[in-house]
Amino acid sequence: MGVTVSWDNEARTIIRYDVVNPWSFEELWGAVHQDNSMFDNINHHFYLIFNGTDVQTVPDNPVSKLKVLAEVIHPDLELIVIVGSNLWLQTLGNLFYRMYGHKLGSLQGVWNARTVEEARELISIHAQTKIYA
């Protein structure tokens, strides 16, 4: 499976997608629906780490998929941090936020990090200071 979903911390404030090749947008939609159901009993905002460290390629027509992602994303998602050096993923994340961020509940940004540890640090800083990048 190209996309797996799990809690990244015991407080259940950070969810992590681990993505490996090959992966598809259908698998990503499945992950989004899985994480949405994980939040049914959670009454707080949360953060998402999209761990694309091992991603070398992006499925076909990625820009056309952004609208679908915006339609299914959970309204309590506060920040997405994309991990890895894949420029396509970083560009797609930034484009997604520019196109749909203003329509998405509490989403305050899509940031980039080199490692999962750095992503956790960025989330911690954001949670403490609510700095927007």
C-alpha atoms as a PDB file:
ATOM      1  CA  MET A   1       0.000   0.000   0.000  1.00  0.00           C
ATOM      2  CA  GLY A   2       1.410   3.376  -1.021  1.00  0.00           C
ATOM      3  CA  VAL A   3      -0.257   5.505   1.686  1.00  0.00           C
ATOM      4  CA  THR A   4      -0.634   4.545   5.345  1.00  0.00           C
ATOM      5  CA  VAL A   5      -2.219   6.614   8.106  1.00  0.00           C
ATOM      6  CA  SER A   6      -1.366   6.619  11.821  1.00  0.00           C
ATOM      7  CA  TRP A   7      -1.333   8.877  14.853  1.00  0.00           C
ATOM      8  CA  ASP A   8       2.071  10.486  15.287  1.00  0.00           C
ATOM      9  CA  ASN A   9       1.641  11.281  18.981  1.00  0.00           C
ATOM     10  CA  GLU A  10      -0.249   9.964  21.987  1.00  0.00           C
ATOM     11  CA  ALA A  11      -2.208  13.203  22.388  1.00  0.00           C
ATOM     12  CA  ARG A  12      -3.776  12.534  18.975  1.00  0.00           C
ATOM     13  CA  THR A  13      -3.076  16.021  17.714  1.00  0.00           C
ATOM     14  CA  ILE A  14      -0.786  14.947  14.843  1.00  0.00           C
ATOM     15  CA  ILE A  15      -1.697  12.456  12.176  1.00  0.00           C
ATOM     16  CA  ARG A  16       0.955  11.145   9.788  1.00  0.00           C
ATOM     17  CA  TYR A  17       0.637   9.879   6.262  1.00  0.00           C
ATOM     18  CA  ASP A  18       3.592   7.746   5.199  1.00  0.00           C
ATOM     19  CA  VAL A  19       3.775   7.669   1.417  1.00  0.00           C
ATOM     20  CA  VAL A  20       5.968   5.370  -0.675  1.00  0.00           C
ATOM     21  CA  ASN A  21       6.168   4.612  -4.379  1.00  0.00           C
ATOM     22  CA  PRO A  22       4.122   3.495  -6.092  1.00  0.00           C
ATOM     23  CA  TRP A  23       1.167   5.452  -4.733  1.00  0.00           C
ATOM     24  CA  SER A  24      -2.028   6.802  -6.249  1.00  0.00           C
ATOM     25  CA  PHE A  25      -4.476   9.573  -5.548  1.00  0.00           C
ATOM     26  CA  GLU A  26      -7.131   6.930  -4.923  1.00  0.00           C
ATOM     27  CA  GLU A  27      -4.970   5.664  -2.039  1.00  0.00           C
ATOM     28  CA  LEU A  28      -4.594   9.244  -0.802  1.00  0.00           C
ATOM     29  CA  TRP A  29      -8.404   9.721  -0.861  1.00  0.00           C
ATOM     30  CA  GLY A  30      -8.736   6.497   1.121  1.00  0.00           C
ATOM     31  CA  ALA A  31      -6.242   7.841   3.676  1.00  0.00           C
ATOM     32  CA  VAL A  32      -8.137  11.131   3.955  1.00  0.00           C
ATOM     33  CA  HIS A  33     -11.414   9.290   4.556  1.00  0.00           C
ATOM     34  CA  GLN A  34      -9.685   7.067   7.124  1.00  0.00           C
ATOM     35  CA  ASP A  35      -8.260  10.044   9.024  1.00  0.00           C
ATOM     36  CA  ASN A  36     -11.611  11.845   8.883  1.00  0.00           C
ATOM     37  CA  SER A  37     -13.230   8.878  10.616  1.00  0.00           C
ATOM     38  CA  MET A  38     -10.421   8.889  13.216  1.00  0.00           C
ATOM     39  CA  PHE A  39     -11.474  12.425  14.162  1.00  0.00           C
ATOM     40  CA  ASP A  40     -15.146  11.669  14.726  1.00  0.00           C
ATOM     41  CA  ASN A  41     -14.580  11.458  18.486  1.00  0.00           C
ATOM     42  CA  ILE A  42     -11.877  14.141  18.715  1.00  0.00           C
ATOM     43  CA  ASN A  43     -12.939  17.691  19.607  1.00  0.00           C
ATOM     44  CA  HIS A  44      -9.829  19.690  18.765  1.00  0.00           C
ATOM     45  CA  HIS A  45      -7.825  20.902  15.809  1.00  0.00           C
ATOM     46  CA  PHE A  46      -5.040  18.706  14.527  1.00  0.00           C
ATOM     47  CA  TYR A  47      -1.937  18.720  12.350  1.00  0.00           C
ATOM     48  CA  LEU A  48      -0.941  16.512   9.442  1.00  0.00           C
ATOM     49  CA  ILE A  49       2.549  15.306   8.539  1.00  0.00           C
ATOM     50  CA  PHE A  50       2.697  14.126   4.935  1.00  0.00           C
ATOM     51  CA  ASN A  51       5.843  12.017   4.998  1.00  0.00           C
ATOM     52  CA  GLY A  52       6.972  11.914   1.371  1.00  0.00           C
ATOM     53  CA  THR A  53      10.622  11.229   2.179  1.00  0.00           C
ATOM     54  CA  ASP A  54      10.654   8.148  -0.073  1.00  0.00           C
ATOM     55  CA  VAL A  55       8.541   9.624  -2.874  1.00  0.00           C
ATOM     56  CA  GLN A  56      10.351   9.985  -6.170  1.00  0.00           C
ATOM     57  CA  THR A  57       7.337  10.363  -8.463  1.00  0.00           C
ATOM     58  CA  VAL A  58       3.868  11.877  -8.324  1.00  0.00           C
ATOM     59  CA  PRO A  59       0.883  10.208 -10.034  1.00  0.00           C
ATOM     60  CA  ASP A  60      -0.400  11.650 -13.304  1.00  0.00           C
ATOM     61  CA  ASN A  61      -2.393  14.889 -13.443  1.00  0.00           C
ATOM     62  CA  PRO A  62      -1.714  15.992  -9.866  1.00  0.00           C
ATOM     63  CA  VAL A  63      -3.002  19.560 -10.229  1.00  0.00           C
ATOM     64  CA  SER A  64      -6.411  18.306 -11.369  1.00  0.00           C
ATOM     65  CA  LYS A  65      -6.708  16.333  -8.099  1.00  0.00           C
ATOM     66  CA  LEU A  66      -6.322  19.318  -5.769  1.00  0.00           C
ATOM     67  CA  LYS A  67      -9.992  20.308  -5.893  1.00  0.00           C
ATOM     68  CA  VAL A  68     -11.050  16.813  -4.842  1.00  0.00           C
ATOM     69  CA  LEU A  69      -8.622  16.980  -1.923  1.00  0.00           C
ATOM     70  CA  ALA A  70     -10.093  20.326  -0.864  1.00  0.00           C
ATOM     71  CA  GLU A  71     -13.572  18.791  -0.880  1.00  0.00           C
ATOM     72  CA  VAL A  72     -12.694  15.893   1.421  1.00  0.00           C
ATOM     73  CA  ILE A  73     -10.208  17.462   3.848  1.00  0.00           C
ATOM     74  CA  HIS A  74     -11.338  17.596   7.492  1.00  0.00           C
ATOM     75  CA  PRO A  75     -12.455  21.067   8.686  1.00  0.00           C
ATOM     76  CA  ASP A  76     -10.398  20.825  11.909  1.00  0.00           C
ATOM     77  CA  LEU A  77      -7.085  20.396  10.079  1.00  0.00           C
ATOM     78  CA  GLU A  78      -4.895  23.325  11.121  1.00  0.00           C
ATOM     79  CA  LEU A  79      -1.575  22.772   9.345  1.00  0.00           C
ATOM     80  CA  ILE A  80      -0.051  20.379   6.799  1.00  0.00           C
ATOM     81  CA  VAL A  81       3.709  19.779   6.827  1.00  0.00           C
ATOM     82  CA  ILE A  82       5.124  18.023   3.760  1.00  0.00           C
ATOM     83  CA  VAL A  83       8.310  16.087   4.511  1.00  0.00           C
ATOM     84  CA  GLY A  84      10.896  15.324   1.854  1.00  0.00           C
ATOM     85  CA  SER A  85      12.808  16.951  -0.932  1.00  0.00           C
ATOM     86  CA  ASN A  86      10.436  16.125  -3.796  1.00  0.00           C
ATOM     87  CA  LEU A  87       9.819  19.497  -5.443  1.00  0.00           C
ATOM     88  CA  TRP A  88       6.579  18.283  -7.025  1.00  0.00           C
ATOM     89  CA  LEU A  89       5.105  17.512  -3.611  1.00  0.00           C
ATOM     90  CA  GLN A  90       6.229  20.846  -2.205  1.00  0.00           C
ATOM     91  CA  THR A  91       4.867  22.732  -5.208  1.00  0.00           C
ATOM     92  CA  LEU A  92       1.556  20.870  -5.081  1.00  0.00           C
ATOM     93  CA  GLY A  93       1.209  21.604  -1.369  1.00  0.00           C
ATOM     94  CA  ASN A  94       1.849  25.303  -1.878  1.00  0.00           C
ATOM     95  CA  LEU A  95      -0.475  25.446  -4.887  1.00  0.00           C
ATOM     96  CA  PHE A  96      -3.184  23.610  -2.941  1.00  0.00           C
ATOM     97  CA  TYR A  97      -3.037  26.150  -0.139  1.00  0.00           C
ATOM     98  CA  ARG A  98      -3.030  29.131  -2.504  1.00  0.00           C
ATOM     99  CA  MET A  99      -6.014  27.813  -4.439  1.00  0.00           C
ATOM    100  CA  TYR A 100      -8.159  26.392  -1.634  1.00  0.00           C
ATOM    101  CA  GLY A 101      -6.732  27.379   1.754  1.00  0.00           C
ATOM    102  CA  HIS A 102      -9.132  30.293   2.208  1.00  0.00           C
ATOM    103  CA  LYS A 103     -12.075  27.886   1.787  1.00  0.00           C
ATOM    104  CA  LEU A 104     -10.897  25.250   4.251  1.00  0.00           C
ATOM    105  CA  GLY A 105     -12.101  25.829   7.773  1.00  0.00           C
ATOM    106  CA  SER A 106      -9.122  26.170  10.065  1.00  0.00           C
ATOM    107  CA  LEU A 107      -6.279  25.321   7.635  1.00  0.00           C
ATOM    108  CA  GLN A 108      -3.569  27.917   8.226  1.00  0.00           C
ATOM    109  CA  GLY A 109      -0.836  26.739   5.917  1.00  0.00           C
ATOM    110  CA  VAL A 110       1.131  24.082   4.106  1.00  0.00           C
ATOM    111  CA  TRP A 111       4.764  24.042   5.190  1.00  0.00           C
ATOM    112  CA  ASN A 112       7.778  22.004   4.096  1.00  0.00           C
ATOM    113  CA  ALA A 113      10.312  20.110   6.199  1.00  0.00           C
ATOM    114  CA  ARG A 114      13.340  17.943   5.450  1.00  0.00           C
ATOM    115  CA  THR A 115      12.607  15.299   8.103  1.00  0.00           C
ATOM    116  CA  VAL A 116       9.716  14.063  10.233  1.00  0.00           C
ATOM    117  CA  GLU A 117      11.546  15.390  13.301  1.00  0.00           C
ATOM    118  CA  GLU A 118      11.734  18.853  11.730  1.00  0.00           C
ATOM    119  CA  ALA A 119       8.028  18.631  10.899  1.00  0.00           C
ATOM    120  CA  ARG A 120       7.263  17.898  14.558  1.00  0.00           C
ATOM    121  CA  GLU A 121       9.357  20.895  15.596  1.00  0.00           C
ATOM    122  CA  LEU A 122       7.507  23.183  13.166  1.00  0.00           C
ATOM    123  CA  ILE A 123       4.171  21.921  14.476  1.00  0.00           C
ATOM    124  CA  SER A 124       5.294  22.509  18.056  1.00  0.00           C
ATOM    125  CA  ILE A 125       6.326  26.072  17.237  1.00  0.00           C
ATOM    126  CA  HIS A 126       3.058  26.689  15.408  1.00  0.00           C
ATOM    127  CA  ALA A 127       1.008  25.275  18.277  1.00  0.00           C
ATOM    128  CA  GLN A 128       2.802  27.466  20.809  1.00  0.00           C
ATOM    129  CA  THR A 129       2.906  30.706  18.859  1.00  0.00           C
ATOM    130  CA  LYS A 130       0.402  30.353  16.018  1.00  0.00           C
ATOM    131  CA  ILE A 131       2.992  31.743  13.599  1.00  0.00           C
ATOM    132  CA  TYR A 132       1.761  31.633  10.051  1.00  0.00           C
ATOM    133  CA  ALA A 133       4.132  31.098   7.138  1.00  0.00           C
END
